[in-house]
N, C-alpha and C. Protein backbone atom coordinates (compact mmCIF):
# COMPACT_ATOMS: atom_id res chain seq x y z
N MET A 1 -57.45 100.36 4.19
CA MET A 1 -57.56 99.36 5.21
C MET A 1 -58.69 100.04 6.22
N ILE A 2 -58.59 101.13 6.61
CA ILE A 2 -59.72 101.87 7.95
C ILE A 2 -61.02 101.37 7.30
N SER A 3 -61.38 101.92 5.97
CA SER A 3 -62.59 101.00 5.66
C SER A 3 -62.93 99.87 5.83
N GLY A 4 -61.95 98.97 5.45
CA GLY A 4 -62.48 97.44 5.05
C GLY A 4 -62.35 97.15 7.07
N LEU A 5 -61.63 97.38 7.85
CA LEU A 5 -61.54 97.10 9.07
C LEU A 5 -62.91 97.45 9.33
N ASP A 6 -63.25 98.95 9.34
CA ASP A 6 -64.68 99.20 9.71
C ASP A 6 -65.76 98.25 9.00
N GLY A 7 -65.62 98.11 7.93
CA GLY A 7 -66.46 97.18 7.58
C GLY A 7 -66.61 95.94 7.98
N VAL A 8 -65.52 95.07 8.54
CA VAL A 8 -65.45 93.85 9.31
C VAL A 8 -66.26 94.29 10.71
N ASP A 9 -65.92 95.44 11.04
CA ASP A 9 -66.26 95.35 12.83
C ASP A 9 -67.91 95.37 12.58
N ARG A 10 -68.34 96.48 11.67
CA ARG A 10 -69.64 96.34 11.54
C ARG A 10 -70.16 95.24 11.03
N LYS A 11 -69.52 94.08 10.62
CA LYS A 11 -70.20 93.27 9.97
C LYS A 11 -70.95 93.38 8.71
N VAL A 12 -70.50 94.38 7.63
CA VAL A 12 -71.09 94.82 6.82
C VAL A 12 -70.80 93.87 5.75
N ASP A 13 -71.98 93.48 4.78
CA ASP A 13 -71.73 92.70 4.21
C ASP A 13 -71.23 92.83 2.30
N PRO A 14 -70.26 92.60 1.99
CA PRO A 14 -69.47 93.22 0.96
C PRO A 14 -70.41 92.78 -0.50
N GLY A 15 -71.06 91.78 -0.36
CA GLY A 15 -72.01 92.14 -1.51
C GLY A 15 -71.04 90.65 -2.54
N SER A 16 -71.61 90.28 -3.39
CA SER A 16 -71.20 89.32 -4.31
C SER A 16 -69.85 89.58 -5.21
N PRO A 17 -68.92 89.05 -5.49
CA PRO A 17 -67.91 89.45 -6.20
C PRO A 17 -68.26 89.36 -7.59
N THR A 18 -67.87 90.14 -8.42
CA THR A 18 -68.27 90.47 -10.03
C THR A 18 -67.26 90.04 -10.92
N GLU A 19 -67.55 89.80 -12.32
CA GLU A 19 -66.56 89.67 -12.88
C GLU A 19 -66.31 91.33 -13.67
N SER A 20 -67.25 91.72 -13.76
CA SER A 20 -67.28 93.62 -14.20
C SER A 20 -67.86 94.31 -13.22
N PRO A 21 -66.82 94.93 -12.85
CA PRO A 21 -67.05 95.94 -11.48
C PRO A 21 -67.90 97.28 -12.02
N TYR A 22 -67.10 97.53 -13.43
CA TYR A 22 -68.08 99.15 -13.85
C TYR A 22 -69.18 98.55 -14.57
N ALA A 23 -69.65 97.55 -14.19
CA ALA A 23 -70.97 97.29 -15.24
C ALA A 23 -72.01 96.94 -14.38
N THR A 24 -72.04 97.44 -12.66
CA THR A 24 -72.90 96.85 -11.72
C THR A 24 -73.51 98.40 -10.67
N GLU A 25 -74.52 98.29 -10.21
CA GLU A 25 -74.77 99.52 -10.00
C GLU A 25 -74.30 99.70 -8.21
N SER A 26 -73.12 99.11 -8.02
CA SER A 26 -72.99 99.00 -6.70
C SER A 26 -72.00 100.34 -6.56
N PRO A 27 -71.47 101.23 -5.34
CA PRO A 27 -71.11 102.24 -5.19
C PRO A 27 -69.59 102.23 -6.08
N THR A 28 -69.07 103.21 -6.67
CA THR A 28 -67.80 103.21 -7.04
C THR A 28 -66.88 104.39 -5.98
N LEU A 29 -65.84 103.56 -6.32
CA LEU A 29 -64.17 104.69 -5.56
C LEU A 29 -64.53 105.90 -5.97
N PRO A 30 -64.36 107.03 -5.65
CA PRO A 30 -63.42 108.44 -6.32
C PRO A 30 -63.25 108.34 -7.34
N LYS A 31 -63.17 109.04 -8.48
CA LYS A 31 -63.00 108.70 -9.94
C LYS A 31 -61.72 109.67 -10.04
N SER A 32 -61.45 110.81 -8.97
CA SER A 32 -60.46 111.96 -9.46
C SER A 32 -60.15 112.37 -8.26
N LEU A 33 -58.95 112.76 -8.12
CA LEU A 33 -58.41 113.19 -6.63
C LEU A 33 -59.42 114.27 -5.97
N PRO A 34 -59.61 114.96 -7.12
CA PRO A 34 -60.81 116.03 -6.06
C PRO A 34 -61.67 115.66 -5.71
N GLU A 35 -62.41 114.81 -6.20
CA GLU A 35 -63.36 113.87 -5.42
C GLU A 35 -63.24 113.22 -4.40
N ALA A 36 -61.69 112.34 -4.68
CA ALA A 36 -61.61 111.67 -3.16
C ALA A 36 -61.30 113.03 -2.05
N ILE A 37 -60.80 113.99 -2.45
CA ILE A 37 -60.65 114.94 -1.08
C ILE A 37 -62.13 115.05 -0.50
N SER A 38 -62.89 115.16 -1.21
CA SER A 38 -63.85 115.54 -1.26
C SER A 38 -64.65 114.48 0.17
N TYR A 39 -64.94 113.17 -0.75
CA TYR A 39 -65.20 112.30 0.49
C TYR A 39 -64.44 112.52 1.84
N LEU A 40 -63.10 112.75 1.60
CA LEU A 40 -62.33 112.24 2.72
C LEU A 40 -62.57 114.04 3.76
N SER A 41 -63.22 114.42 3.30
CA SER A 41 -63.45 115.55 4.32
C SER A 41 -64.48 115.56 4.78
N GLN A 42 -65.43 114.65 4.24
CA GLN A 42 -66.82 114.42 5.20
C GLN A 42 -66.36 113.35 5.63
N SER A 43 -65.59 112.67 5.86
CA SER A 43 -65.51 111.20 6.44
C SER A 43 -65.87 111.66 7.96
N GLU A 44 -66.39 110.89 8.86
CA GLU A 44 -66.21 110.93 10.09
C GLU A 44 -65.24 110.37 10.50
N LEU A 45 -65.47 108.26 9.81
CA LEU A 45 -64.66 107.58 10.45
C LEU A 45 -63.03 107.99 10.23
N PHE A 46 -63.16 108.67 8.97
CA PHE A 46 -60.89 109.29 8.86
C PHE A 46 -61.02 109.89 9.78
N SER A 47 -61.94 110.71 9.88
CA SER A 47 -62.01 111.94 10.88
C SER A 47 -61.12 111.47 12.85
N GLN A 48 -62.02 110.18 12.95
CA GLN A 48 -61.93 109.80 14.15
C GLN A 48 -60.68 108.70 13.99
N LYS A 49 -60.51 108.29 13.28
CA LYS A 49 -58.99 107.18 13.17
C LYS A 49 -58.10 107.77 13.08
N MET A 50 -57.78 108.67 12.62
CA MET A 50 -56.99 109.46 12.14
C MET A 50 -56.14 110.86 12.71
N GLY A 51 -57.36 111.10 13.06
CA GLY A 51 -57.38 112.76 13.80
C GLY A 51 -57.75 113.78 12.97
N GLN A 52 -58.54 114.40 13.49
CA GLN A 52 -58.85 116.11 12.38
C GLN A 52 -57.62 117.02 11.73
N GLN A 53 -56.81 117.02 12.40
CA GLN A 53 -56.00 117.64 12.27
C GLN A 53 -54.21 116.83 10.93
N PHE A 54 -54.79 115.77 11.26
CA PHE A 54 -53.81 114.89 10.54
C PHE A 54 -54.79 114.72 8.61
N ILE A 55 -56.33 114.70 8.82
CA ILE A 55 -56.94 114.93 8.05
C ILE A 55 -56.92 115.99 6.96
N ASN A 56 -56.44 117.57 7.94
CA ASN A 56 -56.88 118.20 6.97
C ASN A 56 -55.53 118.64 6.62
N PHE A 57 -54.30 118.03 7.55
CA PHE A 57 -53.13 118.05 6.64
C PHE A 57 -53.17 117.65 5.20
N ILE A 58 -53.35 116.33 4.90
CA ILE A 58 -53.53 115.68 3.83
C ILE A 58 -54.50 116.50 2.84
N ILE A 59 -55.38 116.53 3.22
CA ILE A 59 -56.13 117.65 2.17
C ILE A 59 -55.60 118.80 1.76
N LYS A 60 -54.89 119.77 2.65
CA LYS A 60 -54.30 120.71 2.43
C LYS A 60 -52.87 120.40 0.88
N MET A 61 -52.18 118.97 1.59
CA MET A 61 -51.30 118.83 0.73
C MET A 61 -51.87 118.51 -0.73
N LYS A 62 -52.70 117.53 -0.34
CA LYS A 62 -53.18 117.52 -1.98
C LYS A 62 -54.15 118.26 -2.63
N GLN A 63 -54.69 119.59 -2.15
CA GLN A 63 -55.18 120.52 -3.00
C GLN A 63 -53.89 121.31 -3.01
N SER A 64 -52.81 121.33 -2.89
CA SER A 64 -51.70 121.99 -3.45
C SER A 64 -51.10 121.15 -4.38
N GLU A 65 -51.09 119.74 -3.92
CA GLU A 65 -50.87 119.30 -5.41
C GLU A 65 -51.55 119.38 -6.57
N ILE A 66 -53.18 119.15 -6.60
CA ILE A 66 -53.85 119.71 -7.77
C ILE A 66 -53.65 121.08 -8.38
N ASN A 67 -53.50 122.11 -7.25
CA ASN A 67 -53.24 123.60 -8.29
C ASN A 67 -51.87 123.12 -8.67
N ARG A 68 -50.70 122.95 -8.46
CA ARG A 68 -49.72 123.23 -9.06
C ARG A 68 -49.86 122.00 -10.18
N PHE A 69 -50.16 120.91 -10.39
CA PHE A 69 -51.17 120.42 -11.43
C PHE A 69 -51.89 121.11 -12.62
N LEU A 70 -52.70 122.05 -12.03
CA LEU A 70 -53.41 122.62 -13.01
C LEU A 70 -52.61 123.64 -13.64
N GLN A 71 -51.71 124.39 -12.57
CA GLN A 71 -50.83 125.60 -13.17
C GLN A 71 -49.74 124.98 -14.58
N SER A 72 -49.38 124.15 -14.16
CA SER A 72 -48.46 123.61 -15.28
C SER A 72 -49.41 122.97 -16.35
N VAL A 73 -50.80 123.18 -16.60
CA VAL A 73 -51.20 122.32 -17.66
C VAL A 73 -51.97 123.82 -17.94
N ALA A 74 -51.90 125.00 -17.44
CA ALA A 74 -52.89 125.84 -17.59
C ALA A 74 -53.16 126.14 -18.88
N ASP A 75 -51.99 126.64 -19.75
CA ASP A 75 -51.85 126.63 -21.30
C ASP A 75 -52.47 125.23 -22.65
N GLN A 76 -53.11 124.44 -22.03
CA GLN A 76 -53.33 123.11 -22.56
C GLN A 76 -54.40 122.77 -22.67
N PRO A 77 -55.28 122.57 -23.66
CA PRO A 77 -56.94 121.97 -23.72
C PRO A 77 -56.53 120.90 -23.09
N SER A 78 -58.07 120.88 -21.96
CA SER A 78 -58.30 119.23 -21.29
C SER A 78 -58.07 117.80 -21.89
N GLU A 79 -58.69 117.97 -22.97
CA GLU A 79 -58.29 116.97 -23.80
C GLU A 79 -57.14 116.28 -24.18
N ASP A 80 -56.06 117.31 -24.01
CA ASP A 80 -54.35 117.03 -24.73
C ASP A 80 -53.81 115.75 -23.19
N TYR A 81 -54.39 117.24 -21.90
CA TYR A 81 -53.37 116.57 -20.82
C TYR A 81 -54.48 115.49 -19.70
N LEU A 82 -55.38 115.31 -20.11
CA LEU A 82 -56.17 114.25 -19.38
C LEU A 82 -55.97 112.79 -20.05
N LYS A 83 -55.63 112.89 -21.35
CA LYS A 83 -54.98 111.51 -21.89
C LYS A 83 -53.70 110.58 -22.12
N GLN A 84 -52.72 111.45 -21.30
CA GLN A 84 -51.71 110.82 -21.12
C GLN A 84 -51.11 111.60 -20.11
N VAL A 85 -49.81 110.88 -19.65
CA VAL A 85 -48.97 111.45 -18.72
C VAL A 85 -48.19 112.41 -19.17
N THR A 86 -48.42 113.62 -18.09
CA THR A 86 -47.89 114.96 -18.46
C THR A 86 -46.43 115.08 -18.07
N ASN A 87 -45.46 116.13 -18.60
CA ASN A 87 -44.07 116.39 -18.09
C ASN A 87 -44.15 116.81 -16.57
N TRP A 88 -45.24 117.24 -15.79
CA TRP A 88 -45.44 117.37 -14.58
C TRP A 88 -45.10 116.40 -13.61
N GLU A 89 -46.43 115.12 -14.38
CA GLU A 89 -46.88 114.04 -13.29
C GLU A 89 -45.67 113.32 -13.64
N GLN A 90 -45.09 113.17 -15.07
CA GLN A 90 -43.46 112.87 -14.73
C GLN A 90 -42.46 112.66 -14.02
N ARG A 91 -42.59 114.42 -13.79
CA ARG A 91 -41.04 114.66 -12.95
C ARG A 91 -42.05 114.31 -11.42
N GLU A 92 -42.86 115.05 -10.77
CA GLU A 92 -43.62 114.72 -9.84
C GLU A 92 -43.85 113.01 -9.04
N TYR A 93 -44.38 112.43 -9.53
CA TYR A 93 -44.34 110.82 -9.42
C TYR A 93 -43.56 109.82 -9.90
N PHE A 94 -43.12 110.31 -11.17
CA PHE A 94 -41.91 109.04 -11.63
C PHE A 94 -40.12 109.67 -11.91
N GLU A 95 -40.00 110.34 -11.05
CA GLU A 95 -38.77 111.21 -10.99
C GLU A 95 -37.46 109.98 -10.76
N LEU A 96 -37.76 109.46 -9.66
CA LEU A 96 -36.69 108.58 -9.35
C LEU A 96 -36.81 107.06 -10.75
N PHE A 97 -37.55 107.13 -11.60
CA PHE A 97 -37.46 106.10 -12.54
C PHE A 97 -36.77 106.41 -13.79
């Protein structure tokens, strides 16, 4: 919402709609949590809107999440855990279901 509202405030042209967004040359969203954390850590907009202390907290929490995940799959080849939901992910995100 912050990014969208910033675009509206600055009157940024969102470009034409497309039926195949992955086939265009438009910038894409981050493809992984580490990539998203990297963008967030460099974002002046989010720092201004949410406060640097909060951004630092979110980054620390998400880095901890990544580390816990990597520890849980340390003995598995990446091609195994990248293609399916792991037991760790099931417990972490879907335990209520």
